[in-house]
Every structure is written in C-alpha cells, then in structure tokens.
Amino acid sequence: MIPLSQSVMHLMSRQDVVETLIAALGVKWLRFGPPVLDQYRRLIAERPDDEPACQAFFCRYPQLLDPMAVQVWSQPDFHGALEPDFVVRRADDSYLVVEIECPGKRLMTKGAQLSGEATHAEKQAVEYESFLSERVQEARTHFPKYRRADCLVIIGTEASLDQAQSEALERANQRRQNVRIAGFDWLEARARKLIENVSHGSIDVITRHRVI
C-alpha cells in the first residue's frame, strides 16, 4: 500500500509514467485555470451545505480530487450496499477512494479534535476501500488493475481553523498511513500551486546540499 503522502514520489520513479504524467498535466491543468478555482471558492462560500452541488462540480473538474487522475467513477454502486462519492484511478494505476461531506460541516472541534462528522466520513471511506480490497478480483472487472487504495476525506474548511486546530489536524494526518482528512479549501490551494508550477515550467533543483 502506498501512503497518500508518498504517491507523487512513487509515480515519479517510473520513467514511462513520468512522460505520460507530464503530457496529462499540461493538458489538464493549463486549461483548468484560476477562473474555475474562483467558481469553486464561491461555491464553498455561498453554498456550504449543498453537497450535491459539490459532487457535480467535482464531476465537471475531477482533477481537483487528484492531480494524477486519469479515470474517475462518481458514486459507484457497491452491490447496493455501499456508495462512495468517488473512486479515482491515477496515472500509475494506483487508486484513491474519496468521501466528501459539506464545506459547512465542522472539520475540527473547539477542543482541537476531529469532529464526529469527520471521523464518520473517514470510517465510511475506509469501509469502501476494505470492501473493494476484500473482493479485489471482482473489483478489477470494474476498476482496471485495482489494488489497495488511498483514502481522502474532504469536509469543512481549513481556513476556519485556529492554530491549535490546524496543528492537531496535521498530527492526525501524520498518524494515518493511507488516509488524509482535509478541507475543501485544501483542494483549491493544491490546485492553485499546481497551476502555478505547470505554467511557470521550472523547478528549483538543489544539488549536493549538505544536510549534516
């Protein structure tokens, strides 16, 4: 299983995938500009309790869910018993199960603990992933080359957190191996950074840096 935080490094270790990724990112992100992200920001601010509207927005712009997405299933039906919001196939054939709640729901409590809504959404995402992994051969008939997936829970906003809550969220994510819990605005911030990197086309390379 590849931890969510290491998925980029894993991807970049394969030259064949690197070439595909470069082409895909150029096409997907250069036409996915700030105006779309401005729409997304307004959606979060003006319709914080409208989960279907968020679901529809991600269907139109699925690269928000994962920058390496090449195929996305919206609300796939798992034998009529379970229905995750999204299953994402990445360029390296790794997978991501996404559970979204509303931007208006609490991400953290005042006591700097994950909210009940956040932990419930996390439990659902893990259940969805376990359901697929326990039936991996069947899963692969619907999700090509499926293997144990990462999980992403999107709920609330991180801008609403104070310093103690933000630090607690970071610690909570560090303790998790293949699950990340984040706010809707975290997706926006990541996308803006990606667009900036792709459009500028340069990466700082530091050679022979002495650490010790």
N, C-alpha and C. Protein backbone atom coordinates (compact mmCIF):
# COMPACT_ATOMS: atom_id res chain seq x y z
N MET A 1 0.84 -1.18 0.00
CA MET A 1 0.00 0.00 0.00
C MET A 1 0.89 1.24 0.00
N ILE A 2 0.55 2.23 -0.83
CA ILE A 2 1.36 3.44 -0.93
C ILE A 2 0.69 4.56 -0.15
N PRO A 3 1.35 5.10 0.89
CA PRO A 3 0.76 6.20 1.63
C PRO A 3 0.45 7.37 0.71
N LEU A 4 -0.63 8.08 1.01
CA LEU A 4 -1.05 9.19 0.18
C LEU A 4 0.07 10.21 0.02
N SER A 5 0.82 10.45 1.08
CA SER A 5 1.87 11.46 1.03
C SER A 5 3.03 11.06 0.14
N GLN A 6 3.15 9.76 -0.18
CA GLN A 6 4.27 9.29 -0.99
C GLN A 6 3.88 8.98 -2.42
N SER A 7 2.62 9.24 -2.79
CA SER A 7 2.16 8.82 -4.12
C SER A 7 2.90 9.52 -5.24
N VAL A 8 3.26 10.79 -5.04
CA VAL A 8 3.99 11.52 -6.08
C VAL A 8 5.37 10.92 -6.28
N MET A 9 6.08 10.63 -5.17
CA MET A 9 7.42 10.05 -5.29
C MET A 9 7.38 8.70 -5.97
N HIS A 10 6.37 7.90 -5.61
CA HIS A 10 6.24 6.58 -6.23
C HIS A 10 6.01 6.73 -7.73
N LEU A 11 5.17 7.67 -8.11
CA LEU A 11 4.87 7.88 -9.51
C LEU A 11 6.10 8.32 -10.28
N MET A 12 6.86 9.25 -9.71
CA MET A 12 8.00 9.81 -10.42
C MET A 12 9.16 8.84 -10.56
N SER A 13 9.10 7.70 -9.90
CA SER A 13 10.18 6.72 -10.01
C SER A 13 10.08 5.90 -11.29
N ARG A 14 8.98 6.04 -12.01
CA ARG A 14 8.77 5.27 -13.24
C ARG A 14 8.82 6.20 -14.44
N GLN A 15 9.81 6.00 -15.31
CA GLN A 15 10.01 6.89 -16.44
C GLN A 15 8.83 6.89 -17.40
N ASP A 16 8.25 5.70 -17.65
CA ASP A 16 7.13 5.63 -18.59
C ASP A 16 5.94 6.43 -18.09
N VAL A 17 5.73 6.39 -16.79
CA VAL A 17 4.61 7.13 -16.22
C VAL A 17 4.92 8.62 -16.18
N VAL A 18 6.18 8.97 -15.96
CA VAL A 18 6.57 10.38 -15.91
C VAL A 18 6.21 11.08 -17.22
N GLU A 19 6.52 10.44 -18.35
CA GLU A 19 6.22 11.04 -19.65
C GLU A 19 4.72 11.22 -19.84
N THR A 20 3.96 10.21 -19.44
CA THR A 20 2.50 10.31 -19.54
C THR A 20 1.98 11.42 -18.63
N LEU A 21 2.54 11.49 -17.43
CA LEU A 21 2.09 12.48 -16.46
C LEU A 21 2.34 13.89 -16.95
N ILE A 22 3.52 14.13 -17.51
CA ILE A 22 3.85 15.47 -17.99
C ILE A 22 2.85 15.93 -19.04
N ALA A 23 2.57 15.04 -19.99
CA ALA A 23 1.60 15.38 -21.03
C ALA A 23 0.22 15.62 -20.44
N ALA A 24 -0.17 14.73 -19.54
CA ALA A 24 -1.51 14.84 -18.95
C ALA A 24 -1.67 16.11 -18.13
N LEU A 25 -0.66 16.42 -17.33
CA LEU A 25 -0.74 17.62 -16.51
C LEU A 25 -0.82 18.87 -17.37
N GLY A 26 -0.02 18.89 -18.44
CA GLY A 26 -0.04 20.06 -19.31
C GLY A 26 -1.42 20.32 -19.88
N VAL A 27 -2.08 19.27 -20.36
CA VAL A 27 -3.40 19.42 -20.95
C VAL A 27 -4.44 19.75 -19.89
N LYS A 28 -4.42 19.01 -18.79
CA LYS A 28 -5.47 19.14 -17.78
C LYS A 28 -5.41 20.45 -17.02
N TRP A 29 -4.20 20.85 -16.66
CA TRP A 29 -4.09 21.98 -15.74
C TRP A 29 -3.95 23.32 -16.43
N LEU A 30 -3.36 23.37 -17.62
CA LEU A 30 -3.24 24.66 -18.28
C LEU A 30 -4.59 25.18 -18.76
N ARG A 31 -5.55 24.29 -19.00
CA ARG A 31 -6.89 24.74 -19.38
C ARG A 31 -7.81 24.82 -18.16
N PHE A 32 -7.30 24.44 -17.02
CA PHE A 32 -8.05 24.48 -15.77
C PHE A 32 -7.44 25.62 -14.96
N GLY A 33 -7.92 26.84 -15.21
CA GLY A 33 -7.25 27.99 -14.66
C GLY A 33 -7.91 28.60 -13.45
N PRO A 34 -7.38 29.73 -13.00
CA PRO A 34 -7.92 30.42 -11.83
C PRO A 34 -9.41 30.72 -11.90
N PRO A 35 -9.99 31.03 -13.08
CA PRO A 35 -11.44 31.28 -13.09
C PRO A 35 -12.26 30.10 -12.55
N VAL A 36 -11.84 28.89 -12.88
CA VAL A 36 -12.55 27.71 -12.37
C VAL A 36 -12.40 27.62 -10.85
N LEU A 37 -11.21 27.90 -10.37
CA LEU A 37 -10.98 27.85 -8.92
C LEU A 37 -11.71 28.97 -8.20
N ASP A 38 -11.88 30.11 -8.89
CA ASP A 38 -12.70 31.18 -8.31
C ASP A 38 -14.15 30.73 -8.18
N GLN A 39 -14.65 30.00 -9.18
CA GLN A 39 -16.01 29.44 -9.10
C GLN A 39 -16.11 28.47 -7.92
N TYR A 40 -15.08 27.66 -7.77
CA TYR A 40 -15.05 26.68 -6.68
C TYR A 40 -15.07 27.39 -5.32
N ARG A 41 -14.30 28.45 -5.20
CA ARG A 41 -14.27 29.21 -3.94
C ARG A 41 -15.65 29.80 -3.63
N ARG A 42 -16.30 30.32 -4.66
CA ARG A 42 -17.65 30.88 -4.45
C ARG A 42 -18.64 29.79 -4.04
N LEU A 43 -18.50 28.62 -4.65
CA LEU A 43 -19.38 27.50 -4.30
C LEU A 43 -19.24 27.17 -2.82
N ILE A 44 -18.01 27.09 -2.34
CA ILE A 44 -17.76 26.78 -0.94
C ILE A 44 -18.37 27.84 -0.02
N ALA A 45 -18.19 29.11 -0.41
CA ALA A 45 -18.64 30.22 0.44
C ALA A 45 -20.15 30.41 0.40
N GLU A 46 -20.74 30.25 -0.78
CA GLU A 46 -22.15 30.60 -0.96
C GLU A 46 -23.11 29.42 -0.79
N ARG A 47 -22.59 28.20 -0.93
CA ARG A 47 -23.46 27.01 -0.81
C ARG A 47 -22.79 25.97 0.08
N PRO A 48 -22.49 26.35 1.30
CA PRO A 48 -21.70 25.47 2.17
C PRO A 48 -22.40 24.18 2.59
N ASP A 49 -23.71 24.13 2.43
CA ASP A 49 -24.45 22.93 2.84
C ASP A 49 -25.00 22.13 1.66
N ASP A 50 -24.52 22.45 0.47
CA ASP A 50 -25.04 21.83 -0.75
C ASP A 50 -24.07 20.77 -1.26
N GLU A 51 -24.14 19.57 -0.67
CA GLU A 51 -23.23 18.50 -1.08
C GLU A 51 -23.45 18.07 -2.53
N PRO A 52 -24.70 17.97 -3.03
CA PRO A 52 -24.89 17.61 -4.44
C PRO A 52 -24.21 18.58 -5.40
N ALA A 53 -24.22 19.88 -5.06
CA ALA A 53 -23.56 20.86 -5.92
C ALA A 53 -22.06 20.64 -5.95
N CYS A 54 -21.49 20.28 -4.80
CA CYS A 54 -20.06 19.97 -4.74
C CYS A 54 -19.75 18.72 -5.55
N GLN A 55 -20.61 17.72 -5.42
CA GLN A 55 -20.44 16.48 -6.18
C GLN A 55 -20.44 16.78 -7.68
N ALA A 56 -21.37 17.61 -8.12
CA ALA A 56 -21.46 17.96 -9.54
C ALA A 56 -20.24 18.73 -10.00
N PHE A 57 -19.72 19.62 -9.16
CA PHE A 57 -18.54 20.39 -9.52
C PHE A 57 -17.34 19.47 -9.71
N PHE A 58 -17.17 18.51 -8.81
CA PHE A 58 -16.05 17.57 -8.94
C PHE A 58 -16.22 16.67 -10.17
N CYS A 59 -17.45 16.40 -10.56
CA CYS A 59 -17.67 15.63 -11.79
C CYS A 59 -17.23 16.43 -13.01
N ARG A 60 -17.44 17.74 -12.97
CA ARG A 60 -17.00 18.58 -14.09
C ARG A 60 -15.50 18.78 -14.09
N TYR A 61 -14.91 18.88 -12.90
CA TYR A 61 -13.47 19.15 -12.79
C TYR A 61 -12.84 18.12 -11.85
N PRO A 62 -12.75 16.87 -12.28
CA PRO A 62 -12.26 15.80 -11.39
C PRO A 62 -10.79 15.92 -11.02
N GLN A 63 -10.02 16.71 -11.78
CA GLN A 63 -8.61 16.86 -11.43
C GLN A 63 -8.43 17.55 -10.08
N LEU A 64 -9.48 18.20 -9.58
CA LEU A 64 -9.42 18.76 -8.24
C LEU A 64 -9.24 17.67 -7.19
N LEU A 65 -9.84 16.52 -7.43
CA LEU A 65 -9.77 15.43 -6.46
C LEU A 65 -8.38 14.84 -6.36
N ASP A 66 -7.71 14.72 -7.50
CA ASP A 66 -6.33 14.22 -7.53
C ASP A 66 -5.68 14.68 -8.82
N PRO A 67 -4.53 15.35 -8.74
CA PRO A 67 -3.89 15.88 -9.95
C PRO A 67 -3.44 14.80 -10.93
N MET A 68 -3.33 13.55 -10.48
CA MET A 68 -2.88 12.47 -11.35
C MET A 68 -4.05 11.63 -11.87
N ALA A 69 -5.26 12.08 -11.64
CA ALA A 69 -6.44 11.30 -12.04
C ALA A 69 -6.50 11.12 -13.55
N VAL A 70 -6.76 9.89 -13.97
CA VAL A 70 -6.99 9.60 -15.39
C VAL A 70 -8.38 9.02 -15.62
N GLN A 71 -9.01 8.54 -14.56
CA GLN A 71 -10.34 7.97 -14.66
C GLN A 71 -11.02 8.12 -13.30
N VAL A 72 -12.27 8.57 -13.31
CA VAL A 72 -12.99 8.82 -12.06
C VAL A 72 -14.40 8.25 -12.16
N TRP A 73 -14.80 7.51 -11.14
CA TRP A 73 -16.16 6.98 -11.04
C TRP A 73 -16.89 7.77 -9.96
N SER A 74 -18.04 8.33 -10.30
CA SER A 74 -18.84 9.08 -9.35
C SER A 74 -19.94 8.20 -8.78
N GLN A 75 -19.94 8.05 -7.46
CA GLN A 75 -20.94 7.29 -6.72
C GLN A 75 -21.19 5.89 -7.32
N PRO A 76 -20.13 5.10 -7.47
CA PRO A 76 -20.32 3.73 -7.95
C PRO A 76 -21.10 2.92 -6.92
N ASP A 77 -21.93 2.02 -7.41
CA ASP A 77 -22.81 1.22 -6.56
C ASP A 77 -22.11 -0.09 -6.20
N PHE A 78 -21.76 -0.26 -4.93
CA PHE A 78 -21.12 -1.48 -4.46
C PHE A 78 -22.19 -2.46 -4.00
N HIS A 79 -22.74 -3.22 -4.91
CA HIS A 79 -23.75 -4.24 -4.59
C HIS A 79 -24.97 -3.66 -3.87
N GLY A 80 -25.26 -2.39 -4.10
CA GLY A 80 -26.42 -1.77 -3.48
C GLY A 80 -26.26 -1.50 -2.00
N ALA A 81 -25.09 -1.81 -1.45
CA ALA A 81 -24.89 -1.66 0.00
C ALA A 81 -24.05 -0.43 0.33
N LEU A 82 -23.05 -0.15 -0.49
CA LEU A 82 -22.13 0.95 -0.22
C LEU A 82 -22.01 1.81 -1.47
N GLU A 83 -21.80 3.11 -1.26
CA GLU A 83 -21.70 4.02 -2.39
C GLU A 83 -20.75 5.15 -2.06
N PRO A 84 -19.46 5.00 -2.36
CA PRO A 84 -18.53 6.09 -2.11
C PRO A 84 -18.82 7.25 -3.05
N ASP A 85 -18.37 8.43 -2.70
CA ASP A 85 -18.60 9.58 -3.57
C ASP A 85 -17.79 9.46 -4.86
N PHE A 86 -16.52 9.07 -4.73
CA PHE A 86 -15.69 8.92 -5.92
C PHE A 86 -14.66 7.80 -5.73
N VAL A 87 -14.36 7.13 -6.82
CA VAL A 87 -13.19 6.26 -6.89
C VAL A 87 -12.33 6.81 -8.02
N VAL A 88 -11.07 7.08 -7.73
CA VAL A 88 -10.15 7.71 -8.68
C VAL A 88 -9.04 6.75 -9.06
N ARG A 89 -8.82 6.61 -10.35
CA ARG A 89 -7.67 5.86 -10.84
C ARG A 89 -6.61 6.86 -11.28
N ARG A 90 -5.40 6.70 -10.77
CA ARG A 90 -4.31 7.62 -11.10
C ARG A 90 -3.50 7.12 -12.30
N ALA A 91 -2.59 7.96 -12.76
CA ALA A 91 -1.78 7.64 -13.94
C ALA A 91 -0.89 6.42 -13.73
N ASP A 92 -0.55 6.12 -12.48
CA ASP A 92 0.31 4.96 -12.20
C ASP A 92 -0.51 3.74 -11.81
N ASP A 93 -1.82 3.79 -12.05
CA ASP A 93 -2.75 2.70 -11.72
C ASP A 93 -2.94 2.49 -10.22
N SER A 94 -2.52 3.44 -9.41
CA SER A 94 -2.92 3.41 -8.01
C SER A 94 -4.30 4.05 -7.91
N TYR A 95 -4.97 3.82 -6.79
CA TYR A 95 -6.36 4.26 -6.65
C TYR A 95 -6.56 5.12 -5.40
N LEU A 96 -7.61 5.91 -5.45
CA LEU A 96 -8.00 6.78 -4.35
C LEU A 96 -9.51 6.70 -4.16
N VAL A 97 -9.94 6.42 -2.94
CA VAL A 97 -11.36 6.44 -2.59
C VAL A 97 -11.64 7.77 -1.89
N VAL A 98 -12.62 8.51 -2.40
CA VAL A 98 -12.89 9.86 -1.88
C VAL A 98 -14.29 9.91 -1.27
N GLU A 99 -14.35 10.43 -0.06
CA GLU A 99 -15.63 10.67 0.61
C GLU A 99 -15.72 12.17 0.89
N ILE A 100 -16.76 12.82 0.37
CA ILE A 100 -16.93 14.25 0.62
C ILE A 100 -18.14 14.48 1.52
N GLU A 101 -18.02 15.49 2.36
CA GLU A 101 -19.14 15.98 3.15
C GLU A 101 -19.42 17.40 2.66
N CYS A 102 -19.96 18.25 3.47
CA CYS A 102 -20.26 19.62 3.05
C CYS A 102 -19.18 20.58 3.54
N PRO A 103 -18.92 21.66 2.80
CA PRO A 103 -17.98 22.68 3.28
C PRO A 103 -18.43 23.30 4.60
N GLY A 104 -19.74 23.29 4.85
CA GLY A 104 -20.25 23.91 6.07
C GLY A 104 -20.15 23.04 7.31
N LYS A 105 -19.79 21.78 7.14
CA LYS A 105 -19.66 20.90 8.31
C LYS A 105 -18.34 21.14 9.02
N ARG A 106 -18.32 20.79 10.30
CA ARG A 106 -17.11 21.01 11.11
C ARG A 106 -16.03 19.99 10.77
N LEU A 107 -14.83 20.48 10.61
CA LEU A 107 -13.67 19.61 10.42
C LEU A 107 -13.06 19.25 11.76
N MET A 108 -12.93 20.23 12.65
CA MET A 108 -12.36 20.03 13.97
C MET A 108 -13.29 20.62 15.03
N THR A 109 -13.22 20.08 16.23
CA THR A 109 -13.99 20.63 17.35
C THR A 109 -13.23 21.80 17.97
N LYS A 110 -13.90 22.52 18.86
CA LYS A 110 -13.23 23.61 19.57
C LYS A 110 -12.08 23.09 20.43
N GLY A 111 -12.17 21.83 20.83
CA GLY A 111 -11.11 21.22 21.62
C GLY A 111 -9.99 20.63 20.80
N ALA A 112 -9.95 21.00 19.51
CA ALA A 112 -8.88 20.56 18.61
C ALA A 112 -8.86 19.04 18.41
N GLN A 113 -10.05 18.46 18.32
CA GLN A 113 -10.21 17.05 17.96
C GLN A 113 -10.95 16.97 16.63
N LEU A 114 -10.73 15.87 15.90
CA LEU A 114 -11.53 15.67 14.70
C LEU A 114 -13.01 15.63 15.06
N SER A 115 -13.83 16.28 14.29
CA SER A 115 -15.26 16.30 14.58
C SER A 115 -15.88 14.93 14.36
N GLY A 116 -17.05 14.73 14.93
CA GLY A 116 -17.76 13.48 14.72
C GLY A 116 -18.08 13.25 13.26
N GLU A 117 -18.41 14.34 12.54
CA GLU A 117 -18.70 14.22 11.12
C GLU A 117 -17.46 13.77 10.34
N ALA A 118 -16.30 14.28 10.73
CA ALA A 118 -15.06 13.92 10.04
C ALA A 118 -14.70 12.46 10.28
N THR A 119 -14.80 12.02 11.53
CA THR A 119 -14.45 10.63 11.83
C THR A 119 -15.44 9.66 11.21
N HIS A 120 -16.71 10.06 11.12
CA HIS A 120 -17.70 9.20 10.47
C HIS A 120 -17.40 9.07 8.98
N ALA A 121 -17.04 10.19 8.35
CA ALA A 121 -16.70 10.16 6.92
C ALA A 121 -15.45 9.31 6.69
N GLU A 122 -14.48 9.42 7.60
CA GLU A 122 -13.27 8.60 7.48
C GLU A 122 -13.63 7.12 7.56
N LYS A 123 -14.49 6.77 8.51
CA LYS A 123 -14.90 5.37 8.66
C LYS A 123 -15.56 4.86 7.39
N GLN A 124 -16.40 5.70 6.78
CA GLN A 124 -17.06 5.29 5.55
C GLN A 124 -16.04 5.05 4.44
N ALA A 125 -15.09 5.97 4.27
CA ALA A 125 -14.09 5.83 3.22
C ALA A 125 -13.29 4.54 3.39
N VAL A 126 -12.89 4.26 4.64
CA VAL A 126 -12.12 3.05 4.91
C VAL A 126 -12.96 1.80 4.65
N GLU A 127 -14.24 1.86 4.99
CA GLU A 127 -15.14 0.73 4.71
C GLU A 127 -15.26 0.48 3.21
N TYR A 128 -15.37 1.55 2.44
CA TYR A 128 -15.47 1.39 0.99
C TYR A 128 -14.21 0.73 0.44
N GLU A 129 -13.06 1.22 0.91
CA GLU A 129 -11.79 0.67 0.42
C GLU A 129 -11.66 -0.79 0.82
N SER A 130 -12.02 -1.12 2.04
CA SER A 130 -11.94 -2.51 2.50
C SER A 130 -12.86 -3.41 1.70
N PHE A 131 -14.04 -2.91 1.38
CA PHE A 131 -15.00 -3.69 0.58
C PHE A 131 -14.38 -4.08 -0.76
N LEU A 132 -13.69 -3.14 -1.40
CA LEU A 132 -13.05 -3.42 -2.68
C LEU A 132 -11.86 -4.35 -2.53
N SER A 133 -11.03 -4.10 -1.53
CA SER A 133 -9.82 -4.90 -1.35
C SER A 133 -10.14 -6.35 -1.01
N GLU A 134 -11.23 -6.56 -0.30
CA GLU A 134 -11.63 -7.93 0.05
C GLU A 134 -12.21 -8.68 -1.15
N ARG A 135 -12.51 -7.95 -2.20
CA ARG A 135 -13.07 -8.54 -3.42
C ARG A 135 -12.24 -8.07 -4.62
N VAL A 136 -10.93 -8.12 -4.49
CA VAL A 136 -10.06 -7.46 -5.45
C VAL A 136 -10.23 -7.98 -6.87
N GLN A 137 -10.42 -9.28 -7.03
CA GLN A 137 -10.58 -9.81 -8.39
C GLN A 137 -11.86 -9.29 -9.04
N GLU A 138 -12.93 -9.27 -8.28
CA GLU A 138 -14.17 -8.70 -8.82
C GLU A 138 -14.01 -7.21 -9.06
N ALA A 139 -13.33 -6.53 -8.12
CA ALA A 139 -13.14 -5.09 -8.26
C ALA A 139 -12.43 -4.75 -9.56
N ARG A 140 -11.47 -5.60 -9.95
CA ARG A 140 -10.70 -5.32 -11.16
C ARG A 140 -11.51 -5.46 -12.44
N THR A 141 -12.66 -6.11 -12.37
CA THR A 141 -13.53 -6.16 -13.55
C THR A 141 -14.20 -4.82 -13.80
N HIS A 142 -14.24 -3.98 -12.78
CA HIS A 142 -14.84 -2.66 -12.90
C HIS A 142 -13.79 -1.55 -12.83
N PHE A 143 -12.76 -1.77 -12.01
CA PHE A 143 -11.69 -0.78 -11.82
C PHE A 143 -10.38 -1.42 -12.25
N PRO A 144 -9.91 -1.15 -13.46
CA PRO A 144 -8.74 -1.84 -14.02
C PRO A 144 -7.51 -1.78 -13.11
N LYS A 145 -6.88 -2.94 -12.91
CA LYS A 145 -5.63 -3.06 -12.15
C LYS A 145 -5.78 -2.57 -10.70
N TYR A 146 -6.97 -2.67 -10.16
CA TYR A 146 -7.21 -2.18 -8.80
C TYR A 146 -6.28 -2.85 -7.79
N ARG A 147 -5.75 -2.06 -6.88
CA ARG A 147 -5.03 -2.56 -5.71
C ARG A 147 -5.42 -1.66 -4.54
N ARG A 148 -4.98 -2.04 -3.36
CA ARG A 148 -5.40 -1.29 -2.17
C ARG A 148 -5.24 0.21 -2.40
N ALA A 149 -6.28 0.92 -2.07
CA ALA A 149 -6.34 2.34 -2.41
C ALA A 149 -6.02 3.23 -1.22
N ASP A 150 -5.61 4.46 -1.54
CA ASP A 150 -5.56 5.51 -0.54
C ASP A 150 -6.98 6.02 -0.32
N CYS A 151 -7.19 6.73 0.78
CA CYS A 151 -8.50 7.31 1.07
C CYS A 151 -8.34 8.80 1.33
N LEU A 152 -9.29 9.57 0.84
CA LEU A 152 -9.29 11.02 1.04
C LEU A 152 -10.67 11.44 1.52
N VAL A 153 -10.70 12.15 2.65
CA VAL A 153 -11.95 12.67 3.21
C VAL A 153 -11.90 14.19 3.10
N ILE A 154 -12.92 14.77 2.47
CA ILE A 154 -12.99 16.22 2.30
C ILE A 154 -14.21 16.73 3.06
N ILE A 155 -13.96 17.60 4.03
CA ILE A 155 -15.04 18.11 4.88
C ILE A 155 -14.64 19.47 5.44
N GLY A 156 -15.59 20.40 5.51
CA GLY A 156 -15.32 21.69 6.12
C GLY A 156 -14.26 22.49 5.38
N THR A 157 -13.68 23.45 6.09
CA THR A 157 -12.60 24.27 5.52
C THR A 157 -11.48 24.41 6.55
N GLU A 158 -10.27 24.46 6.05
CA GLU A 158 -9.12 24.60 6.94
C GLU A 158 -8.86 26.06 7.30
N ALA A 159 -9.35 26.99 6.48
CA ALA A 159 -9.18 28.41 6.79
C ALA A 159 -9.92 28.80 8.07
N SER A 160 -10.93 28.02 8.43
CA SER A 160 -11.71 28.33 9.63
C SER A 160 -11.05 27.84 10.91
N LEU A 161 -9.95 27.11 10.78
CA LEU A 161 -9.29 26.53 11.96
C LEU A 161 -8.32 27.53 12.59
N ASP A 162 -8.22 27.49 13.91
CA ASP A 162 -7.18 28.27 14.56
C ASP A 162 -5.88 27.45 14.56
N GLN A 163 -4.82 28.03 15.12
CA GLN A 163 -3.52 27.37 15.04
C GLN A 163 -3.52 26.01 15.72
N ALA A 164 -4.14 25.92 16.89
CA ALA A 164 -4.17 24.65 17.62
C ALA A 164 -4.92 23.59 16.83
N GLN A 165 -6.01 23.98 16.22
CA GLN A 165 -6.79 23.02 15.42
C GLN A 165 -6.02 22.58 14.18
N SER A 166 -5.34 23.53 13.53
CA SER A 166 -4.55 23.19 12.34
C SER A 166 -3.43 22.23 12.69
N GLU A 167 -2.76 22.48 13.80
CA GLU A 167 -1.68 21.59 14.22
C GLU A 167 -2.21 20.21 14.59
N ALA A 168 -3.38 20.17 15.21
CA ALA A 168 -3.98 18.88 15.58
C ALA A 168 -4.37 18.10 14.33
N LEU A 169 -4.88 18.79 13.32
CA LEU A 169 -5.23 18.12 12.06
C LEU A 169 -3.98 17.56 11.39
N GLU A 170 -2.91 18.34 11.40
CA GLU A 170 -1.66 17.86 10.81
C GLU A 170 -1.16 16.62 11.52
N ARG A 171 -1.21 16.63 12.85
CA ARG A 171 -0.77 15.45 13.61
C ARG A 171 -1.66 14.24 13.31
N ALA A 172 -2.96 14.48 13.21
CA ALA A 172 -3.88 13.38 12.92
C ALA A 172 -3.57 12.75 11.57
N ASN A 173 -3.25 13.58 10.59
CA ASN A 173 -2.91 13.05 9.27
C ASN A 173 -1.56 12.34 9.27
N GLN A 174 -0.63 12.82 10.06
CA GLN A 174 0.68 12.17 10.14
C GLN A 174 0.58 10.77 10.72
N ARG A 175 -0.40 10.56 11.59
CA ARG A 175 -0.57 9.24 12.21
C ARG A 175 -1.23 8.23 11.26
N ARG A 176 -1.80 8.73 10.19
CA ARG A 176 -2.51 7.85 9.26
C ARG A 176 -1.59 7.45 8.11
N GLN A 177 -1.71 6.19 7.68
CA GLN A 177 -0.82 5.68 6.64
C GLN A 177 -1.37 5.89 5.23
N ASN A 178 -2.64 5.68 5.04
CA ASN A 178 -3.19 5.80 3.68
C ASN A 178 -4.49 6.59 3.65
N VAL A 179 -4.67 7.44 4.66
CA VAL A 179 -5.87 8.27 4.74
C VAL A 179 -5.46 9.71 4.99
N ARG A 180 -6.09 10.63 4.26
CA ARG A 180 -5.90 12.04 4.55
C ARG A 180 -7.27 12.68 4.75
N ILE A 181 -7.37 13.51 5.78
CA ILE A 181 -8.58 14.28 6.05
C ILE A 181 -8.24 15.74 5.80
N ALA A 182 -9.01 16.40 4.96
CA ALA A 182 -8.67 17.77 4.56
C ALA A 182 -9.93 18.58 4.33
N GLY A 183 -9.75 19.90 4.26
CA GLY A 183 -10.86 20.79 3.98
C GLY A 183 -11.03 21.01 2.49
N PHE A 184 -12.20 21.51 2.12
CA PHE A 184 -12.45 21.82 0.71
C PHE A 184 -11.44 22.83 0.18
N ASP A 185 -11.04 23.78 1.01
CA ASP A 185 -10.09 24.79 0.56
C ASP A 185 -8.68 24.24 0.37
N TRP A 186 -8.37 23.11 1.00
CA TRP A 186 -7.08 22.45 0.77
C TRP A 186 -6.97 22.01 -0.68
N LEU A 187 -8.06 21.51 -1.26
CA LEU A 187 -8.07 21.13 -2.67
C LEU A 187 -7.78 22.34 -3.55
N GLU A 188 -8.38 23.47 -3.21
CA GLU A 188 -8.16 24.68 -4.00
C GLU A 188 -6.71 25.13 -3.93
N ALA A 189 -6.16 25.15 -2.71
CA ALA A 189 -4.77 25.59 -2.54
C ALA A 189 -3.81 24.70 -3.32
N ARG A 190 -4.03 23.39 -3.27
CA ARG A 190 -3.17 22.47 -4.01
C ARG A 190 -3.28 22.71 -5.51
N ALA A 191 -4.50 22.92 -6.00
CA ALA A 191 -4.70 23.14 -7.43
C ALA A 191 -4.03 24.43 -7.89
N ARG A 192 -4.14 25.49 -7.10
CA ARG A 192 -3.51 26.75 -7.49
C ARG A 192 -1.99 26.60 -7.56
N LYS A 193 -1.42 25.85 -6.64
CA LYS A 193 0.02 25.63 -6.66
C LYS A 193 0.43 24.82 -7.88
N LEU A 194 -0.35 23.82 -8.22
CA LEU A 194 -0.05 23.01 -9.40
C LEU A 194 -0.12 23.83 -10.67
N ILE A 195 -1.14 24.65 -10.80
CA ILE A 195 -1.27 25.50 -11.98
C ILE A 195 -0.07 26.44 -12.08
N GLU A 196 0.33 26.99 -10.95
CA GLU A 196 1.49 27.88 -10.94
C GLU A 196 2.75 27.15 -11.39
N ASN A 197 2.94 25.93 -10.88
CA ASN A 197 4.13 25.16 -11.24
C ASN A 197 4.13 24.78 -12.72
N VAL A 198 2.97 24.32 -13.22
CA VAL A 198 2.89 23.91 -14.62
C VAL A 198 3.07 25.09 -15.55
N SER A 199 2.45 26.22 -15.23
CA SER A 199 2.52 27.38 -16.12
C SER A 199 3.91 28.02 -16.11
N HIS A 200 4.60 27.99 -14.98
CA HIS A 200 5.94 28.55 -14.92
C HIS A 200 6.97 27.61 -15.53
N GLY A 201 6.71 26.32 -15.43
CA GLY A 201 7.55 25.34 -16.10
C GLY A 201 8.95 25.19 -15.56
N SER A 202 9.21 25.61 -14.35
CA SER A 202 10.55 25.46 -13.79
C SER A 202 10.47 24.93 -12.37
N ILE A 203 11.47 24.15 -12.00
CA ILE A 203 11.55 23.57 -10.66
C ILE A 203 12.94 23.85 -10.12
N ASP A 204 13.01 24.32 -8.90
CA ASP A 204 14.31 24.54 -8.27
C ASP A 204 14.97 23.21 -7.96
N VAL A 205 16.17 23.02 -8.46
CA VAL A 205 16.95 21.81 -8.19
C VAL A 205 18.16 22.21 -7.36
N ILE A 206 18.28 21.63 -6.18
CA ILE A 206 19.39 21.94 -5.27
C ILE A 206 20.33 20.74 -5.28
N THR A 207 21.54 20.94 -5.74
CA THR A 207 22.49 19.84 -5.88
C THR A 207 23.52 19.85 -4.76
N ARG A 208 23.90 18.66 -4.35
CA ARG A 208 24.97 18.44 -3.37
C ARG A 208 24.77 19.29 -2.12
N HIS A 209 23.54 19.37 -1.67
CA HIS A 209 23.23 20.15 -0.47
C HIS A 209 23.69 19.39 0.77
N ARG A 210 24.48 20.03 1.58
CA ARG A 210 24.98 19.38 2.79
C ARG A 210 23.97 19.53 3.91
N VAL A 211 23.48 18.40 4.40
CA VAL A 211 22.48 18.40 5.46
C VAL A 211 23.13 18.36 6.83
N ILE A 212 24.18 17.55 6.95
CA ILE A 212 24.88 17.42 8.24
C ILE A 212 26.34 17.80 8.05
